[in-house]
C-alpha atoms as a PDB file:
ATOM      1  CA  MET A   1       1.120   2.437   7.962  1.00  0.00           C
ATOM      2  CA  LYS A   2       4.453   2.926   9.041  1.00  0.00           C
ATOM      3  CA  VAL A   3       4.961   6.561   9.969  1.00  0.00           C
ATOM      4  CA  ALA A   4       7.833   9.000  11.349  1.00  0.00           C
ATOM      5  CA  ILE A   5       6.763  11.688  14.008  1.00  0.00           C
ATOM      6  CA  ILE A   6       9.153  14.546  13.911  1.00  0.00           C
ATOM      7  CA  SER A   7       9.355  17.360  16.222  1.00  0.00           C
ATOM      8  CA  LEU A   8      11.692  20.402  17.077  1.00  0.00           C
ATOM      9  CA  THR A   9      10.616  21.978  20.234  1.00  0.00           C
ATOM     10  CA  GLU A  10       9.643  20.897  23.727  1.00  0.00           C
ATOM     11  CA  ASN A  11       6.078  21.725  22.868  1.00  0.00           C
ATOM     12  CA  GLY A  12       6.239  19.571  20.003  1.00  0.00           C
ATOM     13  CA  ARG A  13       8.122  16.589  22.118  1.00  0.00           C
ATOM     14  CA  ARG A  14       5.004  16.492  24.393  1.00  0.00           C
ATOM     15  CA  LEU A  15       2.625  16.352  21.101  1.00  0.00           C
ATOM     16  CA  SER A  16       4.661  13.843  19.532  1.00  0.00           C
ATOM     17  CA  GLY A  17       4.615  11.561  22.489  1.00  0.00           C
ATOM     18  CA  LEU A  18       0.567  12.111  22.887  1.00  0.00           C
ATOM     19  CA  ILE A  19       0.477  11.241  19.170  1.00  0.00           C
ATOM     20  CA  ALA A  20       2.145   7.975  19.453  1.00  0.00           C
ATOM     21  CA  GLU A  21       0.387   7.154  22.616  1.00  0.00           C
ATOM     22  CA  LYS A  22      -3.045   7.805  20.924  1.00  0.00           C
ATOM     23  CA  VAL A  23      -2.433   6.278  17.268  1.00  0.00           C
ATOM     24  CA  ASP A  24      -2.577   2.641  17.907  1.00  0.00           C
ATOM     25  CA  PHE A  25      -3.814   2.191  14.270  1.00  0.00           C
ATOM     26  CA  LEU A  26      -0.207   3.184  13.009  1.00  0.00           C
ATOM     27  CA  CYS A  27       3.286   1.970  13.469  1.00  0.00           C
ATOM     28  CA  SER A  28       4.897   4.966  14.587  1.00  0.00           C
ATOM     29  CA  GLU A  29       8.556   5.828  15.247  1.00  0.00           C
ATOM     30  CA  ARG A  30       9.166   9.456  17.061  1.00  0.00           C
ATOM     31  CA  PHE A  31      12.415  11.617  16.109  1.00  0.00           C
ATOM     32  CA  CYS A  32      12.832  14.538  18.253  1.00  0.00           C
ATOM     33  CA  PHE A  33      15.596  17.481  17.971  1.00  0.00           C
ATOM     34  CA  LYS A  34      18.441  17.128  20.433  1.00  0.00           C
ATOM     35  CA  GLY A  35      17.707  18.783  23.431  1.00  0.00           C
ATOM     36  CA  HIS A  36      13.929  18.184  23.215  1.00  0.00           C
ATOM     37  CA  GLY A  37      13.715  14.473  23.526  1.00  0.00           C
ATOM     38  CA  ASP A  38      13.171  11.655  25.893  1.00  0.00           C
ATOM     39  CA  SER A  39      14.006   7.892  26.114  1.00  0.00           C
ATOM     40  CA  SER A  40      11.345   6.599  23.814  1.00  0.00           C
ATOM     41  CA  ALA A  41      12.614   8.768  20.508  1.00  0.00           C
ATOM     42  CA  HIS A  42      15.393   8.983  18.673  1.00  0.00           C
ATOM     43  CA  SER A  43      17.621  12.104  18.752  1.00  0.00           C
ATOM     44  CA  PHE A  44      18.831  14.307  15.664  1.00  0.00           C
ATOM     45  CA  ASP A  45      20.729  17.316  15.154  1.00  0.00           C
ATOM     46  CA  SER A  46      20.012  17.719  11.429  1.00  0.00           C
ATOM     47  CA  LEU A  47      16.658  17.883  10.022  1.00  0.00           C
ATOM     48  CA  ALA A  48      17.713  17.985   6.645  1.00  0.00           C
ATOM     49  CA  GLY A  49      19.584  14.632   7.363  1.00  0.00           C
ATOM     50  CA  LEU A  50      16.978  13.214   9.137  1.00  0.00           C
ATOM     51  CA  VAL A  51      14.348  13.704   6.511  1.00  0.00           C
ATOM     52  CA  ALA A  52      17.001  12.306   3.704  1.00  0.00           C
ATOM     53  CA  ASP A  53      17.057   9.211   5.908  1.00  0.00           C
ATOM     54  CA  VAL A  54      13.193   8.767   6.666  1.00  0.00           C
ATOM     55  CA  PHE A  55      11.761   9.990   3.485  1.00  0.00           C
ATOM     56  CA  GLY A  56      12.096   6.896   1.516  1.00  0.00           C
ATOM     57  CA  ARG A  57      11.614   4.224   4.707  1.00  0.00           C
ATOM     58  CA  PHE A  58       8.026   5.596   5.914  1.00  0.00           C
ATOM     59  CA  ASP A  59       4.272   5.628   4.605  1.00  0.00           C
ATOM     60  CA  ALA A  60       4.131   8.949   6.345  1.00  0.00           C
ATOM     61  CA  LEU A  61       5.505  11.795   7.967  1.00  0.00           C
ATOM     62  CA  ILE A  62       4.095  13.655  10.696  1.00  0.00           C
ATOM     63  CA  PHE A  63       5.895  17.129  11.440  1.00  0.00           C
ATOM     64  CA  VAL A  64       4.964  18.721  14.722  1.00  0.00           C
ATOM     65  CA  CYS A  65       6.499  22.211  13.707  1.00  0.00           C
ATOM     66  CA  ALA A  66       5.915  25.381  11.320  1.00  0.00           C
ATOM     67  CA  CYS A  67       4.575  24.227   7.859  1.00  0.00           C
ATOM     68  CA  GLY A  68       7.497  26.137   6.025  1.00  0.00           C
ATOM     69  CA  ILE A  69       9.974  24.245   7.760  1.00  0.00           C
ATOM     70  CA  ALA A  70       8.353  20.932   7.101  1.00  0.00           C
ATOM     71  CA  VAL A  71       8.041  21.742   3.219  1.00  0.00           C
ATOM     72  CA  ARG A  72      11.406  23.105   2.712  1.00  0.00           C
ATOM     73  CA  ALA A  73      12.697  19.911   4.337  1.00  0.00           C
ATOM     74  CA  VAL A  74      10.828  17.545   2.003  1.00  0.00           C
ATOM     75  CA  ALA A  75      11.149  19.673  -1.042  1.00  0.00           C
ATOM     76  CA  PRO A  76      14.505  18.131  -2.214  1.00  0.00           C
ATOM     77  CA  HIS A  77      13.286  14.446  -2.211  1.00  0.00           C
ATOM     78  CA  LEU A  78       9.767  14.929  -3.723  1.00  0.00           C
ATOM     79  CA  ARG A  79       9.358  12.508  -6.896  1.00  0.00           C
ATOM     80  CA  SER A  80       5.861  11.689  -7.874  1.00  0.00           C
ATOM     81  CA  LYS A  81       2.644  11.477  -6.277  1.00  0.00           C
ATOM     82  CA  MET A  82       2.406   7.806  -6.985  1.00  0.00           C
ATOM     83  CA  THR A  83       5.533   7.442  -4.786  1.00  0.00           C
ATOM     84  CA  ASP A  84       6.270  10.159  -2.263  1.00  0.00           C
ATOM     85  CA  PRO A  85       5.049   9.638   1.346  1.00  0.00           C
ATOM     86  CA  ALA A  86       2.094  11.144   2.784  1.00  0.00           C
ATOM     87  CA  VAL A  87       3.088  14.419   4.916  1.00  0.00           C
ATOM     88  CA  VAL A  88       1.258  16.039   7.515  1.00  0.00           C
ATOM     89  CA  VAL A  89       2.180  19.240   9.509  1.00  0.00           C
ATOM     90  CA  ILE A  90       0.676  19.945  13.062  1.00  0.00           C
ATOM     91  CA  ASP A  91       1.555  23.285  14.973  1.00  0.00           C
ATOM     92  CA  ASP A  92       3.343  22.584  18.106  1.00  0.00           C
ATOM     93  CA  CYS A  93       0.019  23.918  20.216  1.00  0.00           C
ATOM     94  CA  GLY A  94      -2.087  21.088  18.534  1.00  0.00           C
ATOM     95  CA  ARG A  95      -4.557  23.111  16.800  1.00  0.00           C
ATOM     96  CA  PHE A  96      -4.428  22.566  13.340  1.00  0.00           C
ATOM     97  CA  VAL A  97      -3.747  19.537  11.393  1.00  0.00           C
ATOM     98  CA  ILE A  98      -2.454  19.960   7.786  1.00  0.00           C
ATOM     99  CA  PRO A  99      -1.888  17.354   5.015  1.00  0.00           C
ATOM    100  CA  VAL A 100       0.593  19.001   2.535  1.00  0.00           C
ATOM    101  CA  LEU A 101       1.564  16.188   0.285  1.00  0.00           C
ATOM    102  CA  SER A 102       0.384  12.994  -0.928  1.00  0.00           C
ATOM    103  CA  GLY A 103      -3.292  13.577   0.131  1.00  0.00           C
ATOM    104  CA  HIS A 104      -4.964  10.903  -1.523  1.00  0.00           C
ATOM    105  CA  ILE A 105      -2.724   8.038  -2.803  1.00  0.00           C
ATOM    106  CA  GLY A 106      -0.530   8.365   0.235  1.00  0.00           C
ATOM    107  CA  GLY A 107      -3.512   9.045   2.693  1.00  0.00           C
ATOM    108  CA  ALA A 108      -2.426  12.553   4.059  1.00  0.00           C
ATOM    109  CA  ASN A 109      -6.051  13.836   4.131  1.00  0.00           C
ATOM    110  CA  ALA A 110      -7.438  10.709   5.854  1.00  0.00           C
ATOM    111  CA  LEU A 111      -4.483  10.663   7.961  1.00  0.00           C
ATOM    112  CA  ALA A 112      -5.230  14.237   8.888  1.00  0.00           C
ATOM    113  CA  GLU A 113      -8.675  14.156   9.761  1.00  0.00           C
ATOM    114  CA  ARG A 114      -8.247  10.642  12.097  1.00  0.00           C
ATOM    115  CA  LEU A 115      -5.266  12.962  13.945  1.00  0.00           C
ATOM    116  CA  ALA A 116      -7.446  15.938  14.369  1.00  0.00           C
ATOM    117  CA  GLU A 117     -10.254  13.840  15.988  1.00  0.00           C
ATOM    118  CA  LEU A 118      -7.889  12.399  18.229  1.00  0.00           C
ATOM    119  CA  LEU A 119      -6.140  15.517  19.356  1.00  0.00           C
ATOM    120  CA  ASP A 120      -9.503  17.532  19.198  1.00  0.00           C
ATOM    121  CA  ALA A 121      -7.869  20.058  16.468  1.00  0.00           C
ATOM    122  CA  GLN A 122      -9.063  21.273  13.152  1.00  0.00           C
ATOM    123  CA  ALA A 123      -7.874  19.553   9.961  1.00  0.00           C
ATOM    124  CA  ALA A 124      -7.072  21.988   7.078  1.00  0.00           C
ATOM    125  CA  VAL A 125      -7.849  19.717   4.141  1.00  0.00           C
ATOM    126  CA  THR A 126      -7.819  21.616   0.552  1.00  0.00           C
ATOM    127  CA  THR A 127      -8.343  19.312  -1.620  1.00  0.00           C
ATOM    128  CA  ALA A 128     -11.203  20.230  -4.079  1.00  0.00           C
ATOM    129  CA  THR A 129     -12.998  16.710  -4.333  1.00  0.00           C
ATOM    130  CA  ASP A 130     -12.584  16.319  -0.495  1.00  0.00           C
ATOM    131  CA  THR A 131     -13.854  19.727   0.514  1.00  0.00           C
ATOM    132  CA  GLY A 132     -16.818  19.311  -2.150  1.00  0.00           C
ATOM    133  CA  ARG A 133     -17.485  15.880  -0.752  1.00  0.00           C
ATOM    134  CA  HIS A 134     -17.049  14.366  -4.346  1.00  0.00           C
ATOM    135  CA  PHE A 135     -15.641  11.012  -5.321  1.00  0.00           C
ATOM    136  CA  SER A 136     -11.964  10.766  -5.855  1.00  0.00           C
ATOM    137  CA  PRO A 137     -10.611   8.393  -7.971  1.00  0.00           C
ATOM    138  CA  ASP A 138      -7.170   8.552  -6.263  1.00  0.00           C
ATOM    139  CA  SER A 139      -8.863   7.960  -2.720  1.00  0.00           C
ATOM    140  CA  PHE A 140     -10.871   5.362  -4.285  1.00  0.00           C
ATOM    141  CA  ALA A 141      -7.759   3.736  -5.652  1.00  0.00           C
ATOM    142  CA  ALA A 142      -5.818   3.894  -2.543  1.00  0.00           C
ATOM    143  CA  ALA A 143      -8.414   2.531  -0.004  1.00  0.00           C
ATOM    144  CA  ASN A 144      -9.137  -0.395  -2.356  1.00  0.00           C
ATOM    145  CA  ARG A 145      -5.547  -1.571  -3.550  1.00  0.00           C
ATOM    146  CA  LEU A 146      -6.080  -0.480  -7.057  1.00  0.00           C
ATOM    147  CA  ILE A 147      -3.134   0.385  -9.294  1.00  0.00           C
ATOM    148  CA  ILE A 148      -4.115   3.783 -11.121  1.00  0.00           C
ATOM    149  CA  THR A 149      -2.737   2.971 -15.114  1.00  0.00           C
ATOM    150  CA  ASP A 150      -3.017   6.482 -16.099  1.00  0.00           C
ATOM    151  CA  MET A 151      -2.606   9.652 -14.319  1.00  0.00           C
ATOM    152  CA  ASP A 152      -3.606  12.059 -17.037  1.00  0.00           C
ATOM    153  CA  ALA A 153      -6.988  10.057 -17.223  1.00  0.00           C
ATOM    154  CA  ALA A 154      -7.411  10.169 -13.111  1.00  0.00           C
ATOM    155  CA  LYS A 155      -6.929  14.015 -13.368  1.00  0.00           C
ATOM    156  CA  ALA A 156      -9.708  13.750 -16.313  1.00  0.00           C
ATOM    157  CA  VAL A 157     -12.250  12.045 -14.222  1.00  0.00           C
ATOM    158  CA  ALA A 158     -11.445  14.096 -11.008  1.00  0.00           C
ATOM    159  CA  ALA A 159     -12.046  17.237 -13.238  1.00  0.00           C
ATOM    160  CA  ALA A 160     -15.197  15.881 -14.787  1.00  0.00           C
ATOM    161  CA  VAL A 161     -16.693  15.506 -11.039  1.00  0.00           C
ATOM    162  CA  LEU A 162     -15.748  18.758  -9.955  1.00  0.00           C
ATOM    163  CA  ASP A 163     -17.597  20.062 -13.064  1.00  0.00           C
ATOM    164  CA  GLY A 164     -20.959  18.274 -12.155  1.00  0.00           C
ATOM    165  CA  GLU A 165     -20.238  15.528 -14.689  1.00  0.00           C
ATOM    166  CA  LYS A 166     -21.369  11.903 -14.078  1.00  0.00           C
ATOM    167  CA  THR A 167     -18.062   9.599 -14.247  1.00  0.00           C
ATOM    168  CA  GLY A 168     -19.189   6.141 -15.676  1.00  0.00           C
ATOM    169  CA  LEU A 169     -18.001   2.674 -14.268  1.00  0.00           C
ATOM    170  CA  VAL A 170     -17.325  -0.947 -15.711  1.00  0.00           C
ATOM    171  CA  SER A 171     -16.195  -3.367 -13.395  1.00  0.00           C
ATOM    172  CA  ASP A 172     -15.225  -7.112 -13.670  1.00  0.00           C
ATOM    173  CA  TYR A 173     -15.600  -7.076  -9.686  1.00  0.00           C
ATOM    174  CA  GLU A 174     -18.499  -6.837  -7.547  1.00  0.00           C
ATOM    175  CA  TYR A 175     -18.803  -3.415  -5.841  1.00  0.00           C
ATOM    176  CA  VAL A 176     -20.956  -1.647  -3.090  1.00  0.00           C
ATOM    177  CA  ASN A 177     -21.826   1.812  -2.014  1.00  0.00           C
ATOM    178  CA  LEU A 178     -21.702   3.370  -5.450  1.00  0.00           C
ATOM    179  CA  PRO A 179     -21.763   7.213  -4.890  1.00  0.00           C
ATOM    180  CA  SER A 180     -23.732   9.704  -6.666  1.00  0.00           C
ATOM    181  CA  ASP A 181     -20.985  10.918  -8.814  1.00  0.00           C
ATOM    182  CA  VAL A 182     -20.501   7.826 -10.646  1.00  0.00           C
ATOM    183  CA  SER A 183     -23.235   6.026 -12.646  1.00  0.00           C
ATOM    184  CA  ALA A 184     -22.527   2.280 -13.646  1.00  0.00           C
ATOM    185  CA  GLY A 185     -22.587   1.665 -17.503  1.00  0.00           C
ATOM    186  CA  THR A 186     -20.826   3.194 -20.157  1.00  0.00           C
ATOM    187  CA  ASP A 187     -23.115   6.451 -21.058  1.00  0.00           C
ATOM    188  CA  CYS A 188     -20.448   8.778 -20.023  1.00  0.00           C
ATOM    189  CA  HIS A 189     -17.462  10.631 -21.462  1.00  0.00           C
ATOM    190  CA  THR A 190     -15.219   9.741 -18.532  1.00  0.00           C
ATOM    191  CA  GLY A 191     -15.140   6.682 -16.876  1.00  0.00           C
ATOM    192  CA  LEU A 192     -13.795   3.733 -14.640  1.00  0.00           C
ATOM    193  CA  TYR A 193     -13.027   0.355 -15.835  1.00  0.00           C
ATOM    194  CA  ILE A 194     -11.553  -1.883 -12.977  1.00  0.00           C
ATOM    195  CA  GLY A 195     -10.279  -5.068 -14.511  1.00  0.00           C
ATOM    196  CA  ILE A 196      -7.055  -6.791 -15.656  1.00  0.00           C
ATOM    197  CA  SER A 197      -8.242  -6.390 -19.322  1.00  0.00           C
ATOM    198  CA  ASP A 198      -6.651  -4.113 -21.866  1.00  0.00           C
ATOM    199  CA  VAL A 199     -10.134  -2.414 -22.787  1.00  0.00           C
ATOM    200  CA  LYS A 200     -11.393   1.165 -22.905  1.00  0.00           C
ATOM    201  CA  PRO A 201     -15.390   1.478 -22.542  1.00  0.00           C
ATOM    202  CA  PHE A 202     -15.185   5.203 -22.607  1.00  0.00           C
ATOM    203  CA  PRO A 203     -13.506   8.157 -24.575  1.00  0.00           C
ATOM    204  CA  VAL A 204     -11.507   8.702 -21.374  1.00  0.00           C
ATOM    205  CA  THR A 205     -10.742   5.750 -19.591  1.00  0.00           C
ATOM    206  CA  LEU A 206      -9.284   5.334 -15.987  1.00  0.00           C
ATOM    207  CA  ARG A 207      -8.460   1.350 -15.948  1.00  0.00           C
ATOM    208  CA  LEU A 208      -7.877   0.400 -12.442  1.00  0.00           C
ATOM    209  CA  VAL A 209      -5.953  -2.840 -11.988  1.00  0.00           C
ATOM    210  CA  PRO A 210      -6.403  -4.668  -8.658  1.00  0.00           C
ATOM    211  CA  ARG A 211      -3.150  -5.407  -6.526  1.00  0.00           C
ATOM    212  CA  ASN A 212      -4.575  -8.720  -5.248  1.00  0.00           C
ATOM    213  CA  VAL A 213      -1.956 -11.309  -6.373  1.00  0.00           C
ATOM    214  CA  VAL A 214      -0.471 -13.469  -3.541  1.00  0.00           C
ATOM    215  CA  LEU A 215       2.952 -15.148  -4.513  1.00  0.00           C
ATOM    216  CA  GLY A 216       3.572 -18.737  -3.143  1.00  0.00           C
ATOM    217  CA  ILE A 217       7.460 -19.368  -3.034  1.00  0.00           C
ATOM    218  CA  GLY A 218       9.770 -22.260  -2.043  1.00  0.00           C
ATOM    219  CA  CYS A 219      13.433 -22.540  -2.459  1.00  0.00           C
ATOM    220  CA  ARG A 220      16.238 -24.081  -1.637  1.00  0.00           C
ATOM    221  CA  ARG A 221      18.381 -22.845   1.510  1.00  0.00           C
ATOM    222  CA  GLY A 222      20.841 -20.096   0.971  1.00  0.00           C
ATOM    223  CA  THR A 223      19.116 -19.268  -2.537  1.00  0.00           C
ATOM    224  CA  GLU A 224      20.346 -15.704  -3.368  1.00  0.00           C
ATOM    225  CA  CYS A 225      17.540 -13.114  -3.971  1.00  0.00           C
ATOM    226  CA  GLY A 226      18.712 -12.389  -7.536  1.00  0.00           C
ATOM    227  CA  ALA A 227      17.934 -16.130  -8.658  1.00  0.00           C
ATOM    228  CA  ILE A 228      14.413 -15.848  -6.750  1.00  0.00           C
ATOM    229  CA  GLU A 229      13.671 -12.475  -8.259  1.00  0.00           C
ATOM    230  CA  ASN A 230      14.511 -13.989 -11.806  1.00  0.00           C
ATOM    231  CA  ALA A 231      12.116 -17.030 -11.202  1.00  0.00           C
ATOM    232  CA  VAL A 232       9.148 -14.804 -10.083  1.00  0.00           C
ATOM    233  CA  VAL A 233       9.534 -12.337 -13.144  1.00  0.00           C
ATOM    234  CA  ASN A 234       9.702 -15.450 -15.530  1.00  0.00           C
ATOM    235  CA  ALA A 235       6.757 -17.353 -13.942  1.00  0.00           C
ATOM    236  CA  LEU A 236       4.501 -13.805 -13.523  1.00  0.00           C
ATOM    237  CA  LYS A 237       5.400 -13.195 -17.252  1.00  0.00           C
ATOM    238  CA  SER A 238       4.622 -17.077 -18.548  1.00  0.00           C
ATOM    239  CA  ALA A 239       1.167 -16.006 -17.022  1.00  0.00           C
ATOM    240  CA  ASP A 240       0.840 -12.651 -18.312  1.00  0.00           C
ATOM    241  CA  ILE A 241       0.413 -11.420 -14.812  1.00  0.00           C
ATOM    242  CA  ALA A 242       2.051  -8.035 -14.050  1.00  0.00           C
ATOM    243  CA  ILE A 243       4.173  -7.623 -11.151  1.00  0.00           C
ATOM    244  CA  GLU A 244       2.840  -4.615  -9.690  1.00  0.00           C
ATOM    245  CA  ARG A 245      -0.376  -6.760  -8.839  1.00  0.00           C
ATOM    246  CA  VAL A 246       1.558  -8.614  -6.487  1.00  0.00           C
ATOM    247  CA  CYS A 247       0.775  -7.525  -2.725  1.00  0.00           C
ATOM    248  CA  ALA A 248       2.232 -10.314  -0.493  1.00  0.00           C
ATOM    249  CA  VAL A 249       4.310 -13.318  -0.613  1.00  0.00           C
ATOM    250  CA  ALA A 250       3.520 -16.583   1.305  1.00  0.00           C
ATOM    251  CA  THR A 251       5.777 -19.603   2.320  1.00  0.00           C
ATOM    252  CA  ILE A 252       6.318 -22.219   4.773  1.00  0.00           C
ATOM    253  CA  ASP A 253       7.835 -21.220   8.319  1.00  0.00           C
ATOM    254  CA  LEU A 254      10.847 -22.794   7.539  1.00  0.00           C
ATOM    255  CA  LYS A 255      11.997 -20.120   5.276  1.00  0.00           C
ATOM    256  CA  ALA A 256      10.586 -17.455   7.500  1.00  0.00           C
ATOM    257  CA  GLU A 257      14.350 -16.393   7.668  1.00  0.00           C
ATOM    258  CA  GLU A 258      15.583 -17.118   4.402  1.00  0.00           C
ATOM    259  CA  ALA A 259      17.784 -14.187   3.269  1.00  0.00           C
ATOM    260  CA  GLY A 260      17.309 -14.089  -0.325  1.00  0.00           C
ATOM    261  CA  LEU A 261      13.561 -14.045   0.233  1.00  0.00           C
ATOM    262  CA  LEU A 262      13.568 -11.556   3.062  1.00  0.00           C
ATOM    263  CA  ALA A 263      15.592  -9.242   0.575  1.00  0.00           C
ATOM    264  CA  LEU A 264      13.152  -9.744  -2.330  1.00  0.00           C
ATOM    265  CA  CYS A 265      10.119  -8.901  -0.286  1.00  0.00           C
ATOM    266  CA  GLU A 266      12.002  -5.671   1.211  1.00  0.00           C
ATOM    267  CA  LYS A 267      12.990  -4.579  -2.693  1.00  0.00           C
ATOM    268  CA  TYR A 268       9.428  -4.430  -3.616  1.00  0.00           C
ATOM    269  CA  GLY A 269       7.746  -3.791  -0.440  1.00  0.00           C
ATOM    270  CA  TRP A 270       5.854  -7.116  -0.169  1.00  0.00           C
ATOM    271  CA  GLU A 271       4.534  -8.326   3.132  1.00  0.00           C
ATOM    272  CA  LEU A 272       5.898 -11.857   3.888  1.00  0.00           C
ATOM    273  CA  CYS A 273       3.660 -14.432   5.525  1.00  0.00           C
ATOM    274  CA  THR A 274       4.408 -17.770   6.897  1.00  0.00           C
ATOM    275  CA  TYR A 275       2.361 -21.065   7.705  1.00  0.00           C
ATOM    276  CA  THR A 276       3.606 -24.381   9.345  1.00  0.00           C
ATOM    277  CA  ALA A 277       3.346 -27.288   7.271  1.00  0.00           C
ATOM    278  CA  ALA A 278       0.188 -28.379   9.439  1.00  0.00           C
ATOM    279  CA  GLU A 279      -1.585 -25.151   8.512  1.00  0.00           C
ATOM    280  CA  LEU A 280      -0.298 -25.691   4.910  1.00  0.00           C
ATOM    281  CA  CYS A 281      -1.793 -29.220   4.849  1.00  0.00           C
ATOM    282  CA  ASP A 282      -5.114 -27.926   5.848  1.00  0.00           C
ATOM    283  CA  VAL A 283      -5.493 -26.086   2.558  1.00  0.00           C
ATOM    284  CA  SER A 284      -7.879 -27.577   0.493  1.00  0.00           C
ATOM    285  CA  GLY A 285      -7.531 -27.895  -3.325  1.00  0.00           C
ATOM    286  CA  ASP A 286      -5.647 -29.507  -6.199  1.00  0.00           C
ATOM    287  CA  PHE A 287      -2.276 -29.241  -5.900  1.00  0.00           C
ATOM    288  CA  THR A 288       1.020 -30.062  -7.497  1.00  0.00           C
ATOM    289  CA  LEU A 289       2.288 -33.083  -5.121  1.00  0.00           C
ATOM    290  CA  SER A 290       5.623 -33.962  -4.586  1.00  0.00           C
ATOM    291  CA  ASP A 291       6.924 -36.940  -2.028  1.00  0.00           C
ATOM    292  CA  PHE A 292      10.351 -35.144  -2.089  1.00  0.00           C
ATOM    293  CA  VAL A 293       9.309 -31.588  -0.937  1.00  0.00           C
ATOM    294  CA  LYS A 294       6.885 -33.648   1.976  1.00  0.00           C
ATOM    295  CA  SER A 295      10.242 -35.515   3.087  1.00  0.00           C
ATOM    296  CA  VAL A 296      11.841 -32.282   3.582  1.00  0.00           C
ATOM    297  CA  THR A 297       9.263 -29.754   4.585  1.00  0.00           C
ATOM    298  CA  GLY A 298       6.226 -32.123   6.118  1.00  0.00           C
ATOM    299  CA  VAL A 299       3.942 -30.601   3.339  1.00  0.00           C
ATOM    300  CA  ASP A 300       3.546 -32.173  -0.071  1.00  0.00           C
ATOM    301  CA  ASN A 301       3.508 -28.702  -1.720  1.00  0.00           C
ATOM    302  CA  VAL A 302       4.815 -25.149  -0.368  1.00  0.00           C
ATOM    303  CA  CYS A 303       4.173 -22.511  -2.827  1.00  0.00           C
ATOM    304  CA  GLU A 304       0.889 -23.387  -4.269  1.00  0.00           C
ATOM    305  CA  ARG A 305      -0.895 -24.391  -0.888  1.00  0.00           C
ATOM    306  CA  SER A 306       0.840 -21.260   0.755  1.00  0.00           C
ATOM    307  CA  ALA A 307      -0.422 -18.833  -2.083  1.00  0.00           C
ATOM    308  CA  VAL A 308      -3.979 -20.224  -1.482  1.00  0.00           C
ATOM    309  CA  ARG A 309      -3.737 -20.205   2.320  1.00  0.00           C
ATOM    310  CA  LYS A 310      -2.845 -16.354   2.215  1.00  0.00           C
ATOM    311  CA  SER A 311      -5.528 -15.211  -0.465  1.00  0.00           C
ATOM    312  CA  GLY A 312      -8.438 -16.497   0.231  1.00  0.00           C
ATOM    313  CA  GLY A 313      -8.633 -17.431  -3.403  1.00  0.00           C
ATOM    314  CA  GLN A 314      -8.154 -19.344  -6.535  1.00  0.00           C
ATOM    315  CA  LEU A 315      -4.783 -20.374  -8.095  1.00  0.00           C
ATOM    316  CA  VAL A 316      -3.868 -18.275 -11.075  1.00  0.00           C
ATOM    317  CA  LEU A 317      -0.386 -19.816 -11.710  1.00  0.00           C
ATOM    318  CA  ARG A 318       0.178 -23.277 -11.129  1.00  0.00           C
ATOM    319  CA  LYS A 319       3.546 -24.032  -9.627  1.00  0.00           C
ATOM    320  CA  THR A 320       6.811 -23.192 -11.985  1.00  0.00           C
ATOM    321  CA  ALA A 321      10.139 -24.286 -10.870  1.00  0.00           C
ATOM    322  CA  ALA A 322      13.422 -23.066 -11.996  1.00  0.00           C
ATOM    323  CA  ASP A 323      17.044 -23.178 -10.019  1.00  0.00           C
ATOM    324  CA  GLY A 324      15.721 -24.460  -7.204  1.00  0.00           C
ATOM    325  CA  VAL A 325      12.937 -21.577  -6.679  1.00  0.00           C
ATOM    326  CA  THR A 326       9.226 -22.559  -7.077  1.00  0.00           C
ATOM    327  CA  VAL A 327       6.645 -19.940  -7.652  1.00  0.00           C
ATOM    328  CA  ALA A 328       3.016 -20.156  -7.436  1.00  0.00           C
ATOM    329  CA  ALA A 329       0.311 -17.315  -7.752  1.00  0.00           C
ATOM    330  CA  ALA A 330      -3.314 -16.862  -6.409  1.00  0.00           C
ATOM    331  CA  GLU A 331      -5.817 -14.342  -6.387  1.00  0.00           C
ATOM    332  CA  MET A 332      -7.313 -12.593  -3.304  1.00  0.00           C
ATOM    333  CA  PRO A 333     -11.454 -12.130  -3.917  1.00  0.00           C
ATOM    334  CA  VAL A 334     -12.075  -8.407  -4.812  1.00  0.00           C
ATOM    335  CA  ILE A 335     -15.245  -6.619  -3.409  1.00  0.00           C
ATOM    336  CA  LEU A 336     -14.776  -2.849  -3.985  1.00  0.00           C
ATOM    337  CA  ASP A 337     -15.969  -0.412  -1.550  1.00  0.00           C
ATOM    338  CA  PHE A 338     -16.468   3.070  -2.490  1.00  0.00           C
ATOM    339  CA  GLY A 339     -17.182   4.318   0.667  1.00  0.00           C
ATOM    340  CA  ARG A 340     -14.007   2.626   2.181  1.00  0.00           C
ATOM    341  CA  LYS A 341     -11.106   5.007   3.555  1.00  0.00           C
ATOM    342  CA  ILE A 342      -7.364   4.359   3.420  1.00  0.00           C
ATOM    343  CA  LEU A 343      -7.541   4.806   7.457  1.00  0.00           C
END
C-alpha cells in the first residue's frame, strides 16, 4: 500500500516521522507544511494543492491534523467508494486514529487499527459490521482480491448480516475460515457467488469475481502503448476474460524499461514482473515454441512462460500475436480466506 502522510504542525511533523519509521509494511512518503518539515519530508504551502496532487496517486492518505481539516481537503475529490483512496486522520498528539473514508474496500479501517497498535492509540472505527464483528462483504472482497460486480447487492448482503440473517455461499473456489454469518449452500435470501460464470443462485446474489489473471506480454522494441493495449484488449476479448480480472503483467527482463509496456501498466495499475531468459526456460509446461524468439531473447517463448511463471497456475489464453505484440494469460490459483485482512 502506497501511503502519503500529511502533517501541518510541529507535533504533526514529529508524529509523521514516527509513523513512517514504524510502518515498514507500507510504502510511505511524508508531506509537511512549510516551516514544520525536515530533510526526509516534502514541503508544501497549500493543503488544497497538495491533496489535489496526491489524491489519485496514493492508496491511502494519513492526515495528522484535525478531522475537519482533512474532510474539507478531500471533499472536492471524492468520486466512489470503489476508487477513492483510504483516508485516516490522527490527532497531532497521537491519541486517536480515525478512518474517515474507504473503510472496507480501501482498507482504512484495517490501517487505522494497525496504526493504533503501533502508536498505542485508540482506533475510532464506526462501521457497523466492524464494530459488531460481523462479516463484511466489502472487506472480504478487498482482502481476497475479488471484484464486486454489484454494490447494491453488496449493501443488501451487509444489511442482512446486520439484521441477524445468514448469507449464503456458492463458490467455484476452495475457501477456509467460514464465519458464522455465512452459510454454505443456497438456502438463504441473500448470498455470495464467487466465480466467473454469470449465475445468480440467490434471490439477491452478490457475484464476486477473482482478480487473478496474469498477462504475459512480448513486443518489439519501441512498440507504443496503444498498440500493446489494443493487442491485450483483443486477446482478452477473444478468450472472454474481463480486463478487470488482470492483476499483473510478466515479461522477460529485456523489456523491463520498455516505455510502451511501462505506460500500459501505469494506466491500469498493473504490477510489472520481469524474468531472465534462464528463469523462463526453467518453467515447465506445453508452450508455443519459436526458434526466432529464442534467437533474439534466449528463450523459445516469452509471453506464455512469463505468465505461468508469475501466476504459478495454468494458461487460460495461449499466445496470440498482433502488430508485433504477443499476449498470453494464466490464472493464479485461488484459495479464499474469510479470515484474511487487507493489512
